[in-house]
Amino acid sequence: MRPSKYILVDGEPRPAELMEWARWFETADRTVARTERDGITVSTVFLGVDHNFSPAGPPVLWETMVVGGPLDGEEQRYRSAEAAKRGHEQMVKLAMVPGL
């Protein structure tokens, strides 16, 4: 069975037991990127809980979400920090296009 909870150690995800995860989660800065403009926020964070609900493939531990504007509620999830950073920039371009 694959671990479900993860913490970041030196920027890398590591499986964690429940209490270790809970202590880390209380104070951790899980923000990867946050962009705000004209009432629209695009936020990308480390989730800390695996959102890959299939038994196959690596864990899905990062998420970008849009709040406000025409793409309000749009989200995308990722398997790596690098993919999350790229995804954040792509979502900013999509969500913050004038006149969309």
PDB file of N, CA and C in Angstrom:
ATOM      1  N   MET A   1       0.841  -1.184   0.000  1.00  0.00           N
ATOM      2  CA  MET A   1       0.000   0.000   0.000  1.00  0.00           C
ATOM      3  C   MET A   1       0.888   1.251   0.000  1.00  0.00           C
ATOM      4  N   ARG A   2       0.568   2.178  -0.883  1.00  0.00           N
ATOM      5  CA  ARG A   2       1.346   3.412  -1.017  1.00  0.00           C
ATOM      6  C   ARG A   2       1.011   4.365   0.130  1.00  0.00           C
ATOM      7  N   PRO A   3       2.022   5.098   0.632  1.00  0.00           N
ATOM      8  CA  PRO A   3       1.755   6.089   1.687  1.00  0.00           C
ATOM      9  C   PRO A   3       0.777   7.145   1.193  1.00  0.00           C
ATOM     10  N   SER A   4       0.000   7.717   2.092  1.00  0.00           N
ATOM     11  CA  SER A   4      -0.960   8.745   1.676  1.00  0.00           C
ATOM     12  C   SER A   4      -0.560  10.141   2.130  1.00  0.00           C
ATOM     13  N   LYS A   5       0.277  10.240   3.154  1.00  0.00           N
ATOM     14  CA  LYS A   5       0.659  11.544   3.679  1.00  0.00           C
ATOM     15  C   LYS A   5       2.147  11.781   3.470  1.00  0.00           C
ATOM     16  N   TYR A   6       2.466  13.030   3.092  1.00  0.00           N
ATOM     17  CA  TYR A   6       3.842  13.400   2.766  1.00  0.00           C
ATOM     18  C   TYR A   6       4.177  14.737   3.398  1.00  0.00           C
ATOM     19  N   ILE A   7       5.453  14.904   3.706  1.00  0.00           N
ATOM     20  CA  ILE A   7       5.984  16.192   4.136  1.00  0.00           C
ATOM     21  C   ILE A   7       7.118  16.550   3.177  1.00  0.00           C
ATOM     22  N   LEU A   8       7.542  17.801   3.216  1.00  0.00           N
ATOM     23  CA  LEU A   8       8.687  18.220   2.419  1.00  0.00           C
ATOM     24  C   LEU A   8       9.924  18.282   3.305  1.00  0.00           C
ATOM     25  N   VAL A   9      10.985  17.642   2.859  1.00  0.00           N
ATOM     26  CA  VAL A   9      12.269  17.686   3.544  1.00  0.00           C
ATOM     27  C   VAL A   9      13.279  18.195   2.524  1.00  0.00           C
ATOM     28  N   ASP A  10      13.818  19.388   2.782  1.00  0.00           N
ATOM     29  CA  ASP A  10      14.725  20.038   1.825  1.00  0.00           C
ATOM     30  C   ASP A  10      14.085  20.141   0.445  1.00  0.00           C
ATOM     31  N   GLY A  11      12.783  20.434   0.424  1.00  0.00           N
ATOM     32  CA  GLY A  11      12.061  20.637  -0.828  1.00  0.00           C
ATOM     33  C   GLY A  11      11.604  19.373  -1.530  1.00  0.00           C
ATOM     34  N   GLU A  12      11.921  18.220  -0.963  1.00  0.00           N
ATOM     35  CA  GLU A  12      11.542  16.943  -1.585  1.00  0.00           C
ATOM     36  C   GLU A  12      10.479  16.246  -0.745  1.00  0.00           C
ATOM     37  N   PRO A  13       9.454  15.665  -1.406  1.00  0.00           N
ATOM     38  CA  PRO A  13       8.424  14.966  -0.643  1.00  0.00           C
ATOM     39  C   PRO A  13       8.956  13.675  -0.033  1.00  0.00           C
ATOM     40  N   ARG A  14       8.526  13.432   1.205  1.00  0.00           N
ATOM     41  CA  ARG A  14       8.901  12.210   1.908  1.00  0.00           C
ATOM     42  C   ARG A  14       7.673  11.679   2.626  1.00  0.00           C
ATOM     43  N   PRO A  15       7.396  10.366   2.525  1.00  0.00           N
ATOM     44  CA  PRO A  15       6.252   9.792   3.245  1.00  0.00           C
ATOM     45  C   PRO A  15       6.383  10.052   4.749  1.00  0.00           C
ATOM     46  N   ALA A  16       5.241  10.257   5.405  1.00  0.00           N
ATOM     47  CA  ALA A  16       5.251  10.543   6.840  1.00  0.00           C
ATOM     48  C   ALA A  16       4.094   9.813   7.521  1.00  0.00           C
ATOM     49  N   GLU A  17       4.350   9.424   8.744  1.00  0.00           N
ATOM     50  CA  GLU A  17       3.289   8.861   9.592  1.00  0.00           C
ATOM     51  C   GLU A  17       2.356   9.997  10.018  1.00  0.00           C
ATOM     52  N   LEU A  18       1.155   9.644  10.450  1.00  0.00           N
ATOM     53  CA  LEU A  18       0.113  10.620  10.735  1.00  0.00           C
ATOM     54  C   LEU A  18       0.561  11.739  11.680  1.00  0.00           C
ATOM     55  N   MET A  19       1.129  11.422  12.822  1.00  0.00           N
ATOM     56  CA  MET A  19       1.481  12.463  13.788  1.00  0.00           C
ATOM     57  C   MET A  19       2.634  13.339  13.300  1.00  0.00           C
ATOM     58  N   GLU A  20       3.611  12.743  12.627  1.00  0.00           N
ATOM     59  CA  GLU A  20       4.698  13.539  12.053  1.00  0.00           C
ATOM     60  C   GLU A  20       4.138  14.492  11.013  1.00  0.00           C
ATOM     61  N   TRP A  21       3.244  13.993  10.161  1.00  0.00           N
ATOM     62  CA  TRP A  21       2.611  14.800   9.124  1.00  0.00           C
ATOM     63  C   TRP A  21       1.802  15.939   9.753  1.00  0.00           C
ATOM     64  N   ALA A  22       1.030  15.619  10.790  1.00  0.00           N
ATOM     65  CA  ALA A  22       0.176  16.625  11.425  1.00  0.00           C
ATOM     66  C   ALA A  22       1.011  17.746  12.042  1.00  0.00           C
ATOM     67  N   ARG A  23       2.093  17.380  12.739  1.00  0.00           N
ATOM     68  CA  ARG A  23       2.966  18.405  13.335  1.00  0.00           C
ATOM     69  C   ARG A  23       3.586  19.285  12.251  1.00  0.00           C
ATOM     70  N   TRP A  24       4.068  18.662  11.175  1.00  0.00           N
ATOM     71  CA  TRP A  24       4.675  19.411  10.080  1.00  0.00           C
ATOM     72  C   TRP A  24       3.643  20.326   9.426  1.00  0.00           C
ATOM     73  N   PHE A  25       2.453  19.783   9.179  1.00  0.00           N
ATOM     74  CA  PHE A  25       1.404  20.497   8.458  1.00  0.00           C
ATOM     75  C   PHE A  25       0.943  21.751   9.206  1.00  0.00           C
ATOM     76  N   GLU A  26       1.005  21.728  10.537  1.00  0.00           N
ATOM     77  CA  GLU A  26       0.559  22.871  11.340  1.00  0.00           C
ATOM     78  C   GLU A  26       1.339  24.143  11.056  1.00  0.00           C
ATOM     79  N   THR A  27       2.629  24.022  10.747  1.00  0.00           N
ATOM     80  CA  THR A  27       3.464  25.214  10.614  1.00  0.00           C
ATOM     81  C   THR A  27       4.152  25.358   9.258  1.00  0.00           C
ATOM     82  N   ALA A  28       4.029  24.375   8.407  1.00  0.00           N
ATOM     83  CA  ALA A  28       4.748  24.391   7.129  1.00  0.00           C
ATOM     84  C   ALA A  28       4.208  25.460   6.182  1.00  0.00           C
ATOM     85  N   ASP A  29       5.102  26.086   5.468  1.00  0.00           N
ATOM     86  CA  ASP A  29       4.708  26.962   4.366  1.00  0.00           C
ATOM     87  C   ASP A  29       4.643  26.077   3.127  1.00  0.00           C
ATOM     88  N   ARG A  30       3.444  25.758   2.695  1.00  0.00           N
ATOM     89  CA  ARG A  30       3.252  24.829   1.576  1.00  0.00           C
ATOM     90  C   ARG A  30       3.106  25.560   0.242  1.00  0.00           C
ATOM     91  N   THR A  31       3.269  26.873   0.255  1.00  0.00           N
ATOM     92  CA  THR A  31       3.067  27.669  -0.952  1.00  0.00           C
ATOM     93  C   THR A  31       4.205  27.460  -1.947  1.00  0.00           C
ATOM     94  N   VAL A  32       3.839  27.152  -3.172  1.00  0.00           N
ATOM     95  CA  VAL A  32       4.794  27.071  -4.277  1.00  0.00           C
ATOM     96  C   VAL A  32       4.825  28.421  -4.981  1.00  0.00           C
ATOM     97  N   ALA A  33       3.645  28.974  -5.275  1.00  0.00           N
ATOM     98  CA  ALA A  33       3.533  30.273  -5.938  1.00  0.00           C
ATOM     99  C   ALA A  33       2.127  30.819  -5.722  1.00  0.00           C
ATOM    100  N   ARG A  34       2.030  32.129  -5.719  1.00  0.00           N
ATOM    101  CA  ARG A  34       0.731  32.790  -5.575  1.00  0.00           C
ATOM    102  C   ARG A  34       0.792  34.079  -6.390  1.00  0.00           C
ATOM    103  N   THR A  35      -0.190  34.252  -7.269  1.00  0.00           N
ATOM    104  CA  THR A  35      -0.254  35.441  -8.121  1.00  0.00           C
ATOM    105  C   THR A  35      -1.648  36.040  -7.984  1.00  0.00           C
ATOM    106  N   GLU A  36      -1.701  37.333  -7.679  1.00  0.00           N
ATOM    107  CA  GLU A  36      -2.978  38.035  -7.526  1.00  0.00           C
ATOM    108  C   GLU A  36      -3.002  39.245  -8.447  1.00  0.00           C
ATOM    109  N   ARG A  37      -4.122  39.396  -9.152  1.00  0.00           N
ATOM    110  CA  ARG A  37      -4.274  40.544 -10.043  1.00  0.00           C
ATOM    111  C   ARG A  37      -5.749  40.727 -10.382  1.00  0.00           C
ATOM    112  N   ASP A  38      -6.233  41.953 -10.276  1.00  0.00           N
ATOM    113  CA  ASP A  38      -7.598  42.304 -10.693  1.00  0.00           C
ATOM    114  C   ASP A  38      -8.656  41.376 -10.105  1.00  0.00           C
ATOM    115  N   GLY A  39      -8.525  41.059  -8.820  1.00  0.00           N
ATOM    116  CA  GLY A  39      -9.532  40.228  -8.159  1.00  0.00           C
ATOM    117  C   GLY A  39      -9.432  38.746  -8.454  1.00  0.00           C
ATOM    118  N   ILE A  40      -8.372  38.330  -9.124  1.00  0.00           N
ATOM    119  CA  ILE A  40      -8.151  36.913  -9.453  1.00  0.00           C
ATOM    120  C   ILE A  40      -6.902  36.448  -8.717  1.00  0.00           C
ATOM    121  N   THR A  41      -6.999  35.283  -8.089  1.00  0.00           N
ATOM    122  CA  THR A  41      -5.856  34.684  -7.408  1.00  0.00           C
ATOM    123  C   THR A  41      -5.582  33.317  -8.025  1.00  0.00           C
ATOM    124  N   VAL A  42      -4.330  33.074  -8.364  1.00  0.00           N
ATOM    125  CA  VAL A  42      -3.875  31.747  -8.780  1.00  0.00           C
ATOM    126  C   VAL A  42      -2.889  31.297  -7.707  1.00  0.00           C
ATOM    127  N   SER A  43      -3.231  30.179  -7.066  1.00  0.00           N
ATOM    128  CA  SER A  43      -2.440  29.686  -5.951  1.00  0.00           C
ATOM    129  C   SER A  43      -1.993  28.253  -6.224  1.00  0.00           C
ATOM    130  N   THR A  44      -0.712  27.981  -5.993  1.00  0.00           N
ATOM    131  CA  THR A  44      -0.167  26.635  -6.156  1.00  0.00           C
ATOM    132  C   THR A  44       0.470  26.228  -4.837  1.00  0.00           C
ATOM    133  N   VAL A  45       0.063  25.053  -4.340  1.00  0.00           N
ATOM    134  CA  VAL A  45       0.520  24.586  -3.032  1.00  0.00           C
ATOM    135  C   VAL A  45       0.905  23.108  -3.071  1.00  0.00           C
ATOM    136  N   PHE A  46       1.713  22.730  -2.085  1.00  0.00           N
ATOM    137  CA  PHE A  46       1.991  21.330  -1.809  1.00  0.00           C
ATOM    138  C   PHE A  46       0.840  20.832  -0.945  1.00  0.00           C
ATOM    139  N   LEU A  47       0.152  19.793  -1.396  1.00  0.00           N
ATOM    140  CA  LEU A  47      -1.036  19.308  -0.699  1.00  0.00           C
ATOM    141  C   LEU A  47      -0.704  18.515   0.561  1.00  0.00           C
ATOM    142  N   GLY A  48       0.349  17.731   0.526  1.00  0.00           N
ATOM    143  CA  GLY A  48       0.705  16.910   1.675  1.00  0.00           C
ATOM    144  C   GLY A  48      -0.045  15.601   1.759  1.00  0.00           C
ATOM    145  N   VAL A  49      -1.051  15.427   0.917  1.00  0.00           N
ATOM    146  CA  VAL A  49      -1.835  14.193   0.862  1.00  0.00           C
ATOM    147  C   VAL A  49      -1.888  13.760  -0.594  1.00  0.00           C
ATOM    148  N   ASP A  50      -1.620  12.499  -0.829  1.00  0.00           N
ATOM    149  CA  ASP A  50      -1.609  11.972  -2.190  1.00  0.00           C
ATOM    150  C   ASP A  50      -3.005  12.017  -2.795  1.00  0.00           C
ATOM    151  N   HIS A  51      -3.145  12.712  -3.920  1.00  0.00           N
ATOM    152  CA  HIS A  51      -4.410  12.792  -4.645  1.00  0.00           C
ATOM    153  C   HIS A  51      -4.417  11.911  -5.892  1.00  0.00           C
ATOM    154  N   ASN A  52      -3.509  10.953  -5.963  1.00  0.00           N
ATOM    155  CA  ASN A  52      -3.555   9.940  -7.017  1.00  0.00           C
ATOM    156  C   ASN A  52      -4.394   8.797  -6.453  1.00  0.00           C
ATOM    157  N   PHE A  53      -5.617   8.681  -6.914  1.00  0.00           N
ATOM    158  CA  PHE A  53      -6.533   7.700  -6.359  1.00  0.00           C
ATOM    159  C   PHE A  53      -6.483   6.382  -7.112  1.00  0.00           C
ATOM    160  N   SER A  54      -5.468   6.233  -7.950  1.00  0.00           N
ATOM    161  CA  SER A  54      -5.211   4.989  -8.663  1.00  0.00           C
ATOM    162  C   SER A  54      -4.028   4.297  -7.985  1.00  0.00           C
ATOM    163  N   PRO A  55      -4.007   2.971  -7.999  1.00  0.00           N
ATOM    164  CA  PRO A  55      -2.850   2.289  -7.397  1.00  0.00           C
ATOM    165  C   PRO A  55      -1.579   2.418  -8.237  1.00  0.00           C
ATOM    166  N   ALA A  56      -1.709   2.920  -9.462  1.00  0.00           N
ATOM    167  CA  ALA A  56      -0.563   3.030 -10.365  1.00  0.00           C
ATOM    168  C   ALA A  56      -0.034   4.461 -10.393  1.00  0.00           C
ATOM    169  N   GLY A  57       1.255   4.577 -10.645  1.00  0.00           N
ATOM    170  CA  GLY A  57       1.866   5.885 -10.847  1.00  0.00           C
ATOM    171  C   GLY A  57       2.297   6.553  -9.562  1.00  0.00           C
ATOM    172  N   PRO A  58       3.092   7.608  -9.702  1.00  0.00           N
ATOM    173  CA  PRO A  58       3.612   8.328  -8.538  1.00  0.00           C
ATOM    174  C   PRO A  58       2.510   9.151  -7.855  1.00  0.00           C
ATOM    175  N   PRO A  59       2.767   9.597  -6.629  1.00  0.00           N
ATOM    176  CA  PRO A  59       1.768  10.405  -5.926  1.00  0.00           C
ATOM    177  C   PRO A  59       1.544  11.757  -6.609  1.00  0.00           C
ATOM    178  N   VAL A  60       0.343  12.266  -6.435  1.00  0.00           N
ATOM    179  CA  VAL A  60      -0.041  13.593  -6.919  1.00  0.00           C
ATOM    180  C   VAL A  60      -0.110  14.481  -5.679  1.00  0.00           C
ATOM    181  N   LEU A  61       0.866  15.385  -5.538  1.00  0.00           N
ATOM    182  CA  LEU A  61       1.040  16.099  -4.275  1.00  0.00           C
ATOM    183  C   LEU A  61       0.966  17.622  -4.369  1.00  0.00           C
ATOM    184  N   TRP A  62       0.783  18.174  -5.552  1.00  0.00           N
ATOM    185  CA  TRP A  62       0.721  19.622  -5.721  1.00  0.00           C
ATOM    186  C   TRP A  62      -0.551  19.990  -6.468  1.00  0.00           C
ATOM    187  N   GLU A  63      -1.046  21.220  -6.232  1.00  0.00           N
ATOM    188  CA  GLU A  63      -2.275  21.663  -6.883  1.00  0.00           C
ATOM    189  C   GLU A  63      -2.232  23.164  -7.137  1.00  0.00           C
ATOM    190  N   THR A  64      -2.741  23.546  -8.305  1.00  0.00           N
ATOM    191  CA  THR A  64      -2.972  24.948  -8.635  1.00  0.00           C
ATOM    192  C   THR A  64      -4.473  25.168  -8.684  1.00  0.00           C
ATOM    193  N   MET A  65      -4.928  26.268  -8.087  1.00  0.00           N
ATOM    194  CA  MET A  65      -6.353  26.591  -8.114  1.00  0.00           C
ATOM    195  C   MET A  65      -6.539  28.069  -8.413  1.00  0.00           C
ATOM    196  N   VAL A  66      -7.608  28.371  -9.156  1.00  0.00           N
ATOM    197  CA  VAL A  66      -7.972  29.741  -9.497  1.00  0.00           C
ATOM    198  C   VAL A  66      -9.162  30.154  -8.636  1.00  0.00           C
ATOM    199  N   VAL A  67      -9.075  31.357  -8.055  1.00  0.00           N
ATOM    200  CA  VAL A  67     -10.183  31.925  -7.301  1.00  0.00           C
ATOM    201  C   VAL A  67     -10.512  33.279  -7.930  1.00  0.00           C
ATOM    202  N   GLY A  68     -11.752  33.419  -8.378  1.00  0.00           N
ATOM    203  CA  GLY A  68     -12.193  34.659  -9.011  1.00  0.00           C
ATOM    204  C   GLY A  68     -12.035  34.609 -10.513  1.00  0.00           C
ATOM    205  N   GLY A  69     -12.718  35.515 -11.173  1.00  0.00           N
ATOM    206  CA  GLY A  69     -12.637  35.605 -12.627  1.00  0.00           C
ATOM    207  C   GLY A  69     -13.377  34.478 -13.328  1.00  0.00           C
ATOM    208  N   PRO A  70     -13.314  34.465 -14.646  1.00  0.00           N
ATOM    209  CA  PRO A  70     -14.047  33.469 -15.437  1.00  0.00           C
ATOM    210  C   PRO A  70     -13.616  32.021 -15.184  1.00  0.00           C
ATOM    211  N   LEU A  71     -12.395  31.802 -14.732  1.00  0.00           N
ATOM    212  CA  LEU A  71     -11.920  30.437 -14.486  1.00  0.00           C
ATOM    213  C   LEU A  71     -12.009  30.055 -13.007  1.00  0.00           C
ATOM    214  N   ASP A  72     -12.828  30.785 -12.236  1.00  0.00           N
ATOM    215  CA  ASP A  72     -12.993  30.511 -10.805  1.00  0.00           C
ATOM    216  C   ASP A  72     -13.261  29.020 -10.559  1.00  0.00           C
ATOM    217  N   GLY A  73     -12.472  28.422  -9.667  1.00  0.00           N
ATOM    218  CA  GLY A  73     -12.645  27.010  -9.334  1.00  0.00           C
ATOM    219  C   GLY A  73     -11.838  26.057 -10.192  1.00  0.00           C
ATOM    220  N   GLU A  74     -11.218  26.566 -11.234  1.00  0.00           N
ATOM    221  CA  GLU A  74     -10.390  25.715 -12.101  1.00  0.00           C
ATOM    222  C   GLU A  74      -9.196  25.225 -11.298  1.00  0.00           C
ATOM    223  N   GLU A  75      -8.860  23.954 -11.456  1.00  0.00           N
ATOM    224  CA  GLU A  75      -7.714  23.407 -10.740  1.00  0.00           C
ATOM    225  C   GLU A  75      -6.950  22.430 -11.608  1.00  0.00           C
ATOM    226  N   GLN A  76      -5.705  22.261 -11.233  1.00  0.00           N
ATOM    227  CA  GLN A  76      -4.823  21.301 -11.913  1.00  0.00           C
ATOM    228  C   GLN A  76      -3.906  20.709 -10.857  1.00  0.00           C
ATOM    229  N   ARG A  77      -3.663  19.401 -10.946  1.00  0.00           N
ATOM    230  CA  ARG A  77      -2.790  18.732  -9.978  1.00  0.00           C
ATOM    231  C   ARG A  77      -1.569  18.160 -10.672  1.00  0.00           C
ATOM    232  N   TYR A  78      -0.494  17.978  -9.870  1.00  0.00           N
ATOM    233  CA  TYR A  78       0.802  17.618 -10.441  1.00  0.00           C
ATOM    234  C   TYR A  78       1.517  16.562  -9.604  1.00  0.00           C
ATOM    235  N   ARG A  79       2.481  15.915 -10.246  1.00  0.00           N
ATOM    236  CA  ARG A  79       3.272  14.860  -9.630  1.00  0.00           C
ATOM    237  C   ARG A  79       4.664  15.326  -9.192  1.00  0.00           C
ATOM    238  N   SER A  80       5.034  16.571  -9.512  1.00  0.00           N
ATOM    239  CA  SER A  80       6.352  17.079  -9.123  1.00  0.00           C
ATOM    240  C   SER A  80       6.280  18.580  -8.876  1.00  0.00           C
ATOM    241  N   ALA A  81       7.237  19.069  -8.092  1.00  0.00           N
ATOM    242  CA  ALA A  81       7.303  20.499  -7.809  1.00  0.00           C
ATOM    243  C   ALA A  81       7.578  21.291  -9.081  1.00  0.00           C
ATOM    244  N   GLU A  82       8.435  20.765  -9.938  1.00  0.00           N
ATOM    245  CA  GLU A  82       8.743  21.463 -11.195  1.00  0.00           C
ATOM    246  C   GLU A  82       7.508  21.578 -12.085  1.00  0.00           C
ATOM    247  N   ALA A  83       6.742  20.497 -12.187  1.00  0.00           N
ATOM    248  CA  ALA A  83       5.504  20.531 -12.974  1.00  0.00           C
ATOM    249  C   ALA A  83       4.522  21.527 -12.368  1.00  0.00           C
ATOM    250  N   ALA A  84       4.482  21.609 -11.045  1.00  0.00           N
ATOM    251  CA  ALA A  84       3.591  22.558 -10.377  1.00  0.00           C
ATOM    252  C   ALA A  84       3.995  24.003 -10.685  1.00  0.00           C
ATOM    253  N   LYS A  85       5.283  24.279 -10.684  1.00  0.00           N
ATOM    254  CA  LYS A  85       5.756  25.635 -11.009  1.00  0.00           C
ATOM    255  C   LYS A  85       5.397  26.013 -12.440  1.00  0.00           C
ATOM    256  N   ARG A  86       5.626  25.087 -13.362  1.00  0.00           N
ATOM    257  CA  ARG A  86       5.264  25.346 -14.770  1.00  0.00           C
ATOM    258  C   ARG A  86       3.749  25.513 -14.912  1.00  0.00           C
ATOM    259  N   GLY A  87       3.014  24.648 -14.241  1.00  0.00           N
ATOM    260  CA  GLY A  87       1.552  24.706 -14.303  1.00  0.00           C
ATOM    261  C   GLY A  87       1.004  26.000 -13.743  1.00  0.00           C
ATOM    262  N   HIS A  88       1.621  26.500 -12.693  1.00  0.00           N
ATOM    263  CA  HIS A  88       1.199  27.774 -12.116  1.00  0.00           C
ATOM    264  C   HIS A  88       1.313  28.888 -13.164  1.00  0.00           C
ATOM    265  N   GLU A  89       2.462  28.962 -13.795  1.00  0.00           N
ATOM    266  CA  GLU A  89       2.669  30.014 -14.800  1.00  0.00           C
ATOM    267  C   GLU A  89       1.683  29.880 -15.962  1.00  0.00           C
ATOM    268  N   GLN A  90       1.408  28.676 -16.382  1.00  0.00           N
ATOM    269  CA  GLN A  90       0.435  28.459 -17.460  1.00  0.00           C
ATOM    270  C   GLN A  90      -0.961  28.906 -17.032  1.00  0.00           C
ATOM    271  N   MET A  91      -1.324  28.557 -15.772  1.00  0.00           N
ATOM    272  CA  MET A  91      -2.653  28.936 -15.287  1.00  0.00           C
ATOM    273  C   MET A  91      -2.768  30.443 -15.140  1.00  0.00           C
ATOM    274  N   VAL A  92      -1.697  31.116 -14.717  1.00  0.00           N
ATOM    275  CA  VAL A  92      -1.716  32.581 -14.625  1.00  0.00           C
ATOM    276  C   VAL A  92      -1.993  33.163 -16.007  1.00  0.00           C
ATOM    277  N   LYS A  93      -1.333  32.653 -17.022  1.00  0.00           N
ATOM    278  CA  LYS A  93      -1.540  33.160 -18.387  1.00  0.00           C
ATOM    279  C   LYS A  93      -2.985  32.961 -18.836  1.00  0.00           C
ATOM    280  N   LEU A  94      -3.583  31.818 -18.489  1.00  0.00           N
ATOM    281  CA  LEU A  94      -4.952  31.537 -18.885  1.00  0.00           C
ATOM    282  C   LEU A  94      -5.968  32.358 -18.087  1.00  0.00           C
ATOM    283  N   ALA A  95      -5.783  32.401 -16.776  1.00  0.00           N
ATOM    284  CA  ALA A  95      -6.781  33.012 -15.897  1.00  0.00           C
ATOM    285  C   ALA A  95      -6.751  34.527 -15.929  1.00  0.00           C
ATOM    286  N   MET A  96      -5.622  35.102 -16.256  1.00  0.00           N
ATOM    287  CA  MET A  96      -5.494  36.551 -16.154  1.00  0.00           C
ATOM    288  C   MET A  96      -5.399  37.241 -17.501  1.00  0.00           C
ATOM    289  N   VAL A  97      -5.966  36.621 -18.503  1.00  0.00           N
ATOM    290  CA  VAL A  97      -6.015  37.230 -19.842  1.00  0.00           C
ATOM    291  C   VAL A  97      -7.109  38.285 -19.826  1.00  0.00           C
ATOM    292  N   PRO A  98      -6.785  39.541 -20.140  1.00  0.00           N
ATOM    293  CA  PRO A  98      -7.792  40.587 -20.170  1.00  0.00           C
ATOM    294  C   PRO A  98      -8.924  40.240 -21.139  1.00  0.00           C
ATOM    295  N   GLY A  99     -10.155  40.461 -20.680  1.00  0.00           N
ATOM    296  CA  GLY A  99     -11.298  40.231 -21.544  1.00  0.00           C
ATOM    297  C   GLY A  99     -11.740  38.788 -21.669  1.00  0.00           C
ATOM    298  N   LEU A 100     -11.133  37.878 -20.912  1.00  0.00           N
ATOM    299  CA  LEU A 100     -11.523  36.476 -20.981  1.00  0.00           C
ATOM    300  C   LEU A 100     -12.891  36.279 -20.412  1.00  0.00           C
TER     301      LEU A 100
END
